């Protein structure tokens, strides 16, 4: 019933969507590895990228506020909105799934771990981790990264 925090969203996401997100991440690493001057800009973008949890929290809090305001000032039946949103948030906390997750994953929102994988892979390519020989080619680096992070696009 309880999923590990790091794997709960991917576990409840269809395989084809997880694969598409992994492929996007892998393609980003390959593209930026071939253009090392752009890695710093990409790292800045990644540090600002919203993960799926943040999006879900923002979405839920907006709906709760709207539901409460409509319930107080328009019709008490609108108080059902915050009730159901809170129930979905509870379900997400316990299982890692709630109705909007599939839509957000389809759009391409990633978990914090998925964003961090790309972030650290690019730092690895950039040479911040000294595990590769300095004369390694970009292709060799990419293969090493794939092996290190066990990526299978």
N, C-alpha and C. Protein backbone atom coordinates (compact mmCIF):
# COMPACT_ATOMS: atom_id res chain seq x y z
N UNK A 1 0.82 -1.19 0.00
CA UNK A 1 0.00 0.00 0.00
C UNK A 1 0.87 1.26 0.00
N UNK A 2 1.91 1.30 0.85
CA UNK A 2 2.78 2.47 0.92
C UNK A 2 3.96 2.28 -0.01
N UNK A 3 4.16 3.23 -0.90
CA UNK A 3 5.29 3.19 -1.82
C UNK A 3 6.41 4.06 -1.27
N UNK A 4 7.63 3.70 -1.65
CA UNK A 4 8.78 4.53 -1.28
C UNK A 4 8.62 5.90 -1.93
N UNK A 5 9.01 6.94 -1.24
CA UNK A 5 8.81 8.30 -1.73
C UNK A 5 9.46 8.51 -3.09
N UNK A 6 10.67 8.02 -3.28
CA UNK A 6 11.40 8.27 -4.53
C UNK A 6 10.77 7.58 -5.72
N UNK A 7 10.07 6.49 -5.50
CA UNK A 7 9.56 5.71 -6.63
C UNK A 7 8.04 5.72 -6.76
N UNK A 8 7.34 6.40 -5.89
CA UNK A 8 5.89 6.27 -5.88
C UNK A 8 5.22 6.86 -7.11
N UNK A 9 5.68 8.00 -7.62
CA UNK A 9 5.05 8.57 -8.81
C UNK A 9 5.35 7.72 -10.04
N UNK A 10 6.63 7.38 -10.32
CA UNK A 10 6.88 6.51 -11.48
C UNK A 10 6.18 5.16 -11.38
N UNK A 11 6.07 4.64 -10.16
CA UNK A 11 5.40 3.34 -9.98
C UNK A 11 3.93 3.40 -10.42
N UNK A 12 3.30 4.56 -10.26
CA UNK A 12 1.89 4.71 -10.60
C UNK A 12 1.70 5.46 -11.92
N UNK A 13 2.75 5.53 -12.71
CA UNK A 13 2.68 6.15 -14.03
C UNK A 13 2.80 5.04 -15.06
N UNK A 14 2.00 5.08 -16.13
CA UNK A 14 2.12 4.05 -17.16
C UNK A 14 3.54 3.98 -17.72
N UNK A 15 3.96 2.77 -18.05
CA UNK A 15 5.33 2.54 -18.53
C UNK A 15 5.70 3.40 -19.72
N UNK A 16 4.75 3.60 -20.65
CA UNK A 16 5.09 4.38 -21.84
C UNK A 16 5.39 5.84 -21.49
N UNK A 17 4.75 6.38 -20.46
CA UNK A 17 5.03 7.76 -20.05
C UNK A 17 6.37 7.84 -19.31
N UNK A 18 6.65 6.85 -18.45
CA UNK A 18 7.96 6.81 -17.79
C UNK A 18 9.07 6.70 -18.82
N UNK A 19 8.86 5.87 -19.83
CA UNK A 19 9.87 5.69 -20.87
C UNK A 19 10.08 6.99 -21.64
N UNK A 20 9.01 7.69 -21.95
CA UNK A 20 9.13 8.95 -22.68
C UNK A 20 9.91 9.99 -21.86
N UNK A 21 9.66 10.02 -20.56
CA UNK A 21 10.38 10.96 -19.69
C UNK A 21 11.85 10.58 -19.60
N UNK A 22 12.15 9.27 -19.47
CA UNK A 22 13.56 8.83 -19.44
C UNK A 22 14.26 9.17 -20.76
N UNK A 23 13.57 8.96 -21.87
CA UNK A 23 14.15 9.28 -23.18
C UNK A 23 14.44 10.77 -23.31
N UNK A 24 13.52 11.60 -22.83
CA UNK A 24 13.73 13.05 -22.88
C UNK A 24 14.95 13.43 -22.05
N UNK A 25 15.06 12.86 -20.86
CA UNK A 25 16.19 13.14 -19.99
C UNK A 25 17.49 12.71 -20.66
N UNK A 26 17.49 11.50 -21.19
CA UNK A 26 18.69 10.97 -21.86
C UNK A 26 19.07 11.84 -23.07
N UNK A 27 18.09 12.21 -23.86
CA UNK A 27 18.37 13.05 -25.04
C UNK A 27 18.93 14.41 -24.62
N UNK A 28 18.44 14.96 -23.53
CA UNK A 28 18.99 16.22 -23.02
C UNK A 28 20.45 16.06 -22.64
N UNK A 29 20.77 14.98 -21.94
CA UNK A 29 22.16 14.76 -21.53
C UNK A 29 23.05 14.61 -22.76
N UNK A 30 22.62 13.83 -23.73
CA UNK A 30 23.42 13.62 -24.94
C UNK A 30 23.61 14.94 -25.68
N UNK A 31 22.54 15.70 -25.84
CA UNK A 31 22.62 16.97 -26.57
C UNK A 31 23.58 17.95 -25.90
N UNK A 32 23.45 18.10 -24.59
CA UNK A 32 24.30 19.05 -23.89
C UNK A 32 25.73 18.53 -23.74
N UNK A 33 25.91 17.22 -23.70
CA UNK A 33 27.27 16.66 -23.64
C UNK A 33 28.05 16.99 -24.90
N UNK A 34 27.35 17.11 -26.01
CA UNK A 34 28.01 17.44 -27.28
C UNK A 34 28.26 18.94 -27.44
N UNK A 35 27.69 19.73 -26.54
CA UNK A 35 27.89 21.19 -26.56
C UNK A 35 28.18 21.65 -25.13
N UNK A 36 29.38 21.37 -24.64
CA UNK A 36 29.70 21.63 -23.23
C UNK A 36 29.53 23.09 -22.80
N UNK A 37 29.63 24.04 -23.73
CA UNK A 37 29.46 25.44 -23.35
C UNK A 37 28.04 25.74 -22.88
N UNK A 38 27.08 24.93 -23.28
CA UNK A 38 25.69 25.18 -22.91
C UNK A 38 25.28 24.47 -21.62
N UNK A 39 26.17 23.68 -21.05
CA UNK A 39 25.81 22.90 -19.85
C UNK A 39 25.46 23.81 -18.68
N UNK A 40 26.23 24.88 -18.48
CA UNK A 40 25.93 25.77 -17.35
C UNK A 40 24.54 26.38 -17.44
N UNK A 41 24.14 26.78 -18.64
CA UNK A 41 22.79 27.32 -18.82
C UNK A 41 21.73 26.27 -18.51
N UNK A 42 21.98 25.03 -18.96
CA UNK A 42 21.03 23.95 -18.71
C UNK A 42 20.95 23.66 -17.21
N UNK A 43 22.07 23.69 -16.52
CA UNK A 43 22.06 23.45 -15.07
C UNK A 43 21.22 24.51 -14.36
N UNK A 44 21.31 25.76 -14.81
CA UNK A 44 20.49 26.82 -14.23
C UNK A 44 19.00 26.56 -14.49
N UNK A 45 18.68 26.11 -15.72
CA UNK A 45 17.29 25.79 -16.05
C UNK A 45 16.78 24.66 -15.15
N UNK A 46 17.60 23.63 -14.98
CA UNK A 46 17.19 22.49 -14.17
C UNK A 46 16.97 22.88 -12.71
N UNK A 47 17.78 23.81 -12.20
CA UNK A 47 17.61 24.22 -10.80
C UNK A 47 16.31 24.99 -10.59
N UNK A 48 15.72 25.49 -11.67
CA UNK A 48 14.45 26.22 -11.58
C UNK A 48 13.25 25.39 -12.03
N UNK A 49 13.49 24.21 -12.57
CA UNK A 49 12.39 23.38 -13.09
C UNK A 49 11.49 22.90 -11.95
N UNK A 50 10.20 23.05 -12.16
CA UNK A 50 9.23 22.58 -11.17
C UNK A 50 9.06 21.08 -11.30
N UNK A 51 9.16 20.38 -10.17
CA UNK A 51 8.89 18.95 -10.19
C UNK A 51 7.39 18.72 -10.03
N UNK A 52 6.98 17.50 -10.22
CA UNK A 52 5.55 17.16 -10.22
C UNK A 52 4.92 17.39 -8.85
N UNK A 53 5.68 17.20 -7.78
CA UNK A 53 5.13 17.42 -6.43
C UNK A 53 4.79 18.90 -6.23
N UNK A 54 5.69 19.78 -6.67
CA UNK A 54 5.44 21.22 -6.52
C UNK A 54 4.23 21.64 -7.34
N UNK A 55 4.13 21.12 -8.55
CA UNK A 55 2.97 21.43 -9.39
C UNK A 55 1.68 20.95 -8.75
N UNK A 56 1.71 19.75 -8.21
CA UNK A 56 0.53 19.19 -7.55
C UNK A 56 0.13 20.02 -6.34
N UNK A 57 1.11 20.44 -5.55
CA UNK A 57 0.82 21.27 -4.37
C UNK A 57 0.20 22.61 -4.77
N UNK A 58 0.77 23.24 -5.81
CA UNK A 58 0.24 24.52 -6.28
C UNK A 58 -1.18 24.36 -6.82
N UNK A 59 -1.38 23.32 -7.60
CA UNK A 59 -2.69 23.05 -8.19
C UNK A 59 -3.72 22.79 -7.09
N UNK A 60 -3.37 21.95 -6.14
CA UNK A 60 -4.31 21.60 -5.07
C UNK A 60 -4.62 22.81 -4.19
N UNK A 61 -3.61 23.57 -3.81
CA UNK A 61 -3.88 24.72 -2.94
C UNK A 61 -4.74 25.76 -3.66
N UNK A 62 -4.52 25.93 -4.95
CA UNK A 62 -5.37 26.87 -5.71
C UNK A 62 -6.82 26.41 -5.72
N UNK A 63 -7.03 25.13 -5.98
CA UNK A 63 -8.41 24.61 -6.00
C UNK A 63 -9.06 24.68 -4.63
N UNK A 64 -8.29 24.42 -3.58
CA UNK A 64 -8.85 24.50 -2.22
C UNK A 64 -9.26 25.94 -1.92
N UNK A 65 -8.39 26.90 -2.21
CA UNK A 65 -8.73 28.32 -1.95
C UNK A 65 -9.96 28.75 -2.75
N UNK A 66 -10.01 28.38 -4.01
CA UNK A 66 -11.16 28.73 -4.85
C UNK A 66 -12.43 28.09 -4.30
N UNK A 67 -12.33 26.80 -3.93
CA UNK A 67 -13.50 26.10 -3.39
C UNK A 67 -14.01 26.71 -2.10
N UNK A 68 -13.09 27.08 -1.22
CA UNK A 68 -13.50 27.70 0.06
C UNK A 68 -14.15 29.06 -0.21
N UNK A 69 -13.53 29.88 -1.05
CA UNK A 69 -14.11 31.19 -1.36
C UNK A 69 -15.50 31.06 -1.99
N UNK A 70 -15.62 30.16 -2.95
CA UNK A 70 -16.93 29.96 -3.59
C UNK A 70 -17.94 29.39 -2.58
N UNK A 71 -17.47 28.51 -1.69
CA UNK A 71 -18.36 27.94 -0.67
C UNK A 71 -18.85 28.97 0.31
N UNK A 72 -18.00 29.91 0.68
CA UNK A 72 -18.37 30.94 1.65
C UNK A 72 -19.23 32.02 0.99
N UNK A 73 -18.84 32.45 -0.21
CA UNK A 73 -19.50 33.61 -0.81
C UNK A 73 -20.55 33.28 -1.88
N UNK A 74 -20.56 32.07 -2.40
CA UNK A 74 -21.52 31.75 -3.47
C UNK A 74 -22.52 30.68 -3.02
N UNK A 75 -22.04 29.49 -2.79
CA UNK A 75 -22.92 28.38 -2.47
C UNK A 75 -22.13 27.37 -1.64
N UNK A 76 -22.68 26.92 -0.52
CA UNK A 76 -21.95 25.97 0.34
C UNK A 76 -21.58 24.66 -0.36
N UNK A 77 -22.27 24.32 -1.42
CA UNK A 77 -21.94 23.08 -2.14
C UNK A 77 -20.53 23.13 -2.74
N UNK A 78 -20.03 24.33 -2.97
CA UNK A 78 -18.66 24.45 -3.50
C UNK A 78 -17.61 23.97 -2.49
N UNK A 79 -18.01 23.80 -1.23
CA UNK A 79 -17.07 23.28 -0.23
C UNK A 79 -16.71 21.81 -0.50
N UNK A 80 -17.43 21.19 -1.41
CA UNK A 80 -17.07 19.82 -1.81
C UNK A 80 -15.74 19.81 -2.58
N UNK A 81 -15.43 20.90 -3.25
CA UNK A 81 -14.18 20.97 -4.01
C UNK A 81 -12.99 20.78 -3.08
N UNK A 82 -12.85 21.58 -2.01
CA UNK A 82 -11.71 21.36 -1.12
C UNK A 82 -11.71 19.97 -0.47
N UNK A 83 -12.91 19.44 -0.20
CA UNK A 83 -12.99 18.10 0.37
C UNK A 83 -12.36 17.07 -0.56
N UNK A 84 -12.75 17.08 -1.83
CA UNK A 84 -12.21 16.10 -2.77
C UNK A 84 -10.73 16.34 -3.07
N UNK A 85 -10.34 17.59 -3.15
CA UNK A 85 -8.92 17.88 -3.39
C UNK A 85 -8.08 17.37 -2.21
N UNK A 86 -8.54 17.59 -1.00
CA UNK A 86 -7.82 17.09 0.18
C UNK A 86 -7.76 15.56 0.17
N UNK A 87 -8.84 14.92 -0.24
CA UNK A 87 -8.86 13.46 -0.33
C UNK A 87 -7.84 12.97 -1.37
N UNK A 88 -7.75 13.68 -2.50
CA UNK A 88 -6.77 13.31 -3.53
C UNK A 88 -5.34 13.51 -3.02
N UNK A 89 -5.11 14.60 -2.28
CA UNK A 89 -3.78 14.83 -1.71
C UNK A 89 -3.41 13.74 -0.71
N UNK A 90 -4.38 13.34 0.08
CA UNK A 90 -4.14 12.24 1.03
C UNK A 90 -3.78 10.97 0.27
N UNK A 91 -4.55 10.67 -0.76
CA UNK A 91 -4.28 9.49 -1.57
C UNK A 91 -2.89 9.56 -2.19
N UNK A 92 -2.51 10.74 -2.66
CA UNK A 92 -1.19 10.90 -3.25
C UNK A 92 -0.09 10.69 -2.20
N UNK A 93 -0.28 11.21 -1.00
CA UNK A 93 0.71 11.05 0.06
C UNK A 93 0.90 9.58 0.43
N UNK A 94 -0.19 8.83 0.41
CA UNK A 94 -0.13 7.43 0.80
C UNK A 94 0.37 6.55 -0.34
N UNK A 95 -0.19 6.73 -1.54
CA UNK A 95 0.09 5.83 -2.65
C UNK A 95 1.01 6.41 -3.72
N UNK A 96 1.08 7.71 -3.82
CA UNK A 96 1.85 8.32 -4.90
C UNK A 96 1.03 8.49 -6.16
N UNK A 97 -0.26 8.36 -6.04
CA UNK A 97 -1.14 8.52 -7.20
C UNK A 97 -2.34 9.37 -6.81
N UNK A 98 -2.77 10.18 -7.74
CA UNK A 98 -4.04 10.88 -7.65
C UNK A 98 -4.41 11.26 -9.08
N UNK A 99 -5.65 11.62 -9.34
CA UNK A 99 -6.09 11.83 -10.72
C UNK A 99 -5.23 12.76 -11.58
N UNK A 100 -4.74 13.89 -11.07
CA UNK A 100 -3.97 14.76 -11.97
C UNK A 100 -2.59 14.24 -12.34
N UNK A 101 -2.07 13.26 -11.62
CA UNK A 101 -0.70 12.79 -11.85
C UNK A 101 -0.51 12.31 -13.29
N UNK A 102 -1.43 11.53 -13.77
CA UNK A 102 -1.29 11.00 -15.14
C UNK A 102 -1.23 12.13 -16.16
N UNK A 103 -2.08 13.14 -15.99
CA UNK A 103 -2.07 14.28 -16.90
C UNK A 103 -0.74 15.03 -16.81
N UNK A 104 -0.28 15.29 -15.60
CA UNK A 104 0.99 16.02 -15.42
C UNK A 104 2.16 15.24 -16.01
N UNK A 105 2.15 13.92 -15.85
CA UNK A 105 3.22 13.09 -16.42
C UNK A 105 3.13 13.09 -17.95
N UNK A 106 1.93 13.06 -18.47
CA UNK A 106 1.74 13.09 -19.93
C UNK A 106 2.29 14.40 -20.50
N UNK A 107 2.11 15.50 -19.78
CA UNK A 107 2.64 16.79 -20.20
C UNK A 107 4.16 16.78 -20.14
N UNK A 108 4.73 15.96 -19.24
CA UNK A 108 6.18 15.84 -19.17
C UNK A 108 6.79 16.27 -17.86
N UNK A 109 5.98 16.54 -16.85
CA UNK A 109 6.53 16.92 -15.55
C UNK A 109 7.24 15.73 -14.93
N UNK A 110 8.41 16.01 -14.39
CA UNK A 110 9.25 14.95 -13.83
C UNK A 110 9.29 15.05 -12.31
N UNK A 111 9.71 13.95 -11.70
CA UNK A 111 9.92 13.95 -10.26
C UNK A 111 11.23 14.65 -9.96
N UNK A 112 11.43 14.99 -8.69
CA UNK A 112 12.69 15.62 -8.29
C UNK A 112 13.87 14.72 -8.60
N UNK A 113 13.72 13.42 -8.41
CA UNK A 113 14.81 12.48 -8.71
C UNK A 113 15.13 12.45 -10.20
N UNK A 114 14.12 12.54 -11.04
CA UNK A 114 14.37 12.54 -12.48
C UNK A 114 15.09 13.81 -12.92
N UNK A 115 14.72 14.93 -12.33
CA UNK A 115 15.40 16.19 -12.64
C UNK A 115 16.84 16.12 -12.12
N UNK A 116 17.02 15.61 -10.91
CA UNK A 116 18.35 15.50 -10.33
C UNK A 116 19.25 14.56 -11.13
N UNK A 117 18.67 13.52 -11.72
CA UNK A 117 19.47 12.62 -12.56
C UNK A 117 20.10 13.37 -13.72
N UNK A 118 19.30 14.19 -14.39
CA UNK A 118 19.85 14.97 -15.50
C UNK A 118 20.87 15.97 -14.98
N UNK A 119 20.56 16.63 -13.89
CA UNK A 119 21.44 17.64 -13.32
C UNK A 119 22.82 17.05 -13.00
N UNK A 120 22.84 15.93 -12.29
CA UNK A 120 24.12 15.34 -11.90
C UNK A 120 24.83 14.67 -13.07
N UNK A 121 24.08 14.15 -14.02
CA UNK A 121 24.71 13.59 -15.22
C UNK A 121 25.44 14.69 -15.99
N UNK A 122 24.83 15.86 -16.10
CA UNK A 122 25.49 16.97 -16.81
C UNK A 122 26.71 17.47 -16.03
N UNK A 123 26.61 17.50 -14.73
CA UNK A 123 27.79 17.88 -13.94
C UNK A 123 28.89 16.84 -14.11
N UNK A 124 28.50 15.60 -14.26
CA UNK A 124 29.46 14.52 -14.48
C UNK A 124 30.16 14.71 -15.83
N UNK A 125 29.37 15.01 -16.85
CA UNK A 125 29.92 15.26 -18.18
C UNK A 125 30.85 16.48 -18.13
N UNK A 126 30.45 17.47 -17.40
CA UNK A 126 31.23 18.70 -17.30
C UNK A 126 32.58 18.48 -16.63
N UNK A 127 32.73 17.37 -15.93
CA UNK A 127 34.00 17.05 -15.31
C UNK A 127 34.08 17.38 -13.84
N UNK A 128 32.95 17.66 -13.22
CA UNK A 128 32.96 17.99 -11.80
C UNK A 128 33.22 16.77 -10.93
N UNK A 129 33.01 15.59 -11.48
CA UNK A 129 33.31 14.35 -10.78
C UNK A 129 34.46 13.71 -11.55
N UNK A 130 35.55 13.48 -10.91
CA UNK A 130 36.80 13.10 -11.59
C UNK A 130 36.94 11.60 -11.80
N UNK A 131 35.89 10.90 -12.13
CA UNK A 131 35.99 9.46 -12.31
C UNK A 131 36.35 9.04 -13.72
N UNK A 132 36.28 9.93 -14.68
CA UNK A 132 36.63 9.59 -16.06
C UNK A 132 38.03 10.10 -16.38
N UNK A 133 38.76 9.38 -17.23
CA UNK A 133 40.04 9.93 -17.67
C UNK A 133 39.81 11.20 -18.47
N UNK A 134 40.74 12.15 -18.38
CA UNK A 134 40.55 13.44 -19.03
C UNK A 134 40.49 13.35 -20.53
N UNK A 135 41.07 12.30 -21.12
CA UNK A 135 41.07 12.19 -22.58
C UNK A 135 39.85 11.43 -23.11
N UNK A 136 38.89 11.13 -22.23
CA UNK A 136 37.70 10.40 -22.66
C UNK A 136 36.89 11.25 -23.65
N UNK A 137 36.42 10.62 -24.70
CA UNK A 137 35.61 11.32 -25.69
C UNK A 137 34.21 11.53 -25.15
N UNK A 138 33.45 12.40 -25.81
CA UNK A 138 32.07 12.65 -25.38
C UNK A 138 31.25 11.37 -25.43
N UNK A 139 31.44 10.54 -26.47
CA UNK A 139 30.69 9.29 -26.56
C UNK A 139 31.04 8.34 -25.42
N UNK A 140 32.32 8.29 -25.06
CA UNK A 140 32.73 7.43 -23.95
C UNK A 140 32.13 7.95 -22.64
N UNK A 141 32.11 9.27 -22.49
CA UNK A 141 31.51 9.85 -21.30
C UNK A 141 30.03 9.51 -21.21
N UNK A 142 29.35 9.62 -22.34
CA UNK A 142 27.91 9.32 -22.35
C UNK A 142 27.67 7.86 -21.97
N UNK A 143 28.49 6.95 -22.50
CA UNK A 143 28.34 5.52 -22.15
C UNK A 143 28.60 5.31 -20.65
N UNK A 144 29.61 6.01 -20.13
CA UNK A 144 29.91 5.89 -18.70
C UNK A 144 28.75 6.41 -17.85
N UNK A 145 28.18 7.51 -18.30
CA UNK A 145 27.03 8.08 -17.56
C UNK A 145 25.87 7.12 -17.58
N UNK A 146 25.59 6.56 -18.75
CA UNK A 146 24.48 5.61 -18.86
C UNK A 146 24.71 4.43 -17.92
N UNK A 147 25.93 3.95 -17.88
CA UNK A 147 26.24 2.83 -17.00
C UNK A 147 26.11 3.23 -15.54
N UNK A 148 26.63 4.41 -15.21
CA UNK A 148 26.62 4.87 -13.82
C UNK A 148 25.20 5.08 -13.31
N UNK A 149 24.36 5.69 -14.11
CA UNK A 149 23.00 5.99 -13.67
C UNK A 149 21.98 4.93 -14.09
N UNK A 150 22.47 3.88 -14.73
CA UNK A 150 21.63 2.77 -15.16
C UNK A 150 20.43 3.25 -15.97
N UNK A 151 20.68 4.14 -16.90
CA UNK A 151 19.61 4.65 -17.75
C UNK A 151 19.37 3.70 -18.90
N UNK A 152 18.13 3.45 -19.13
CA UNK A 152 17.73 2.63 -20.27
C UNK A 152 16.60 3.36 -20.98
N UNK A 153 16.95 4.26 -21.91
CA UNK A 153 15.90 5.05 -22.58
C UNK A 153 14.93 4.21 -23.37
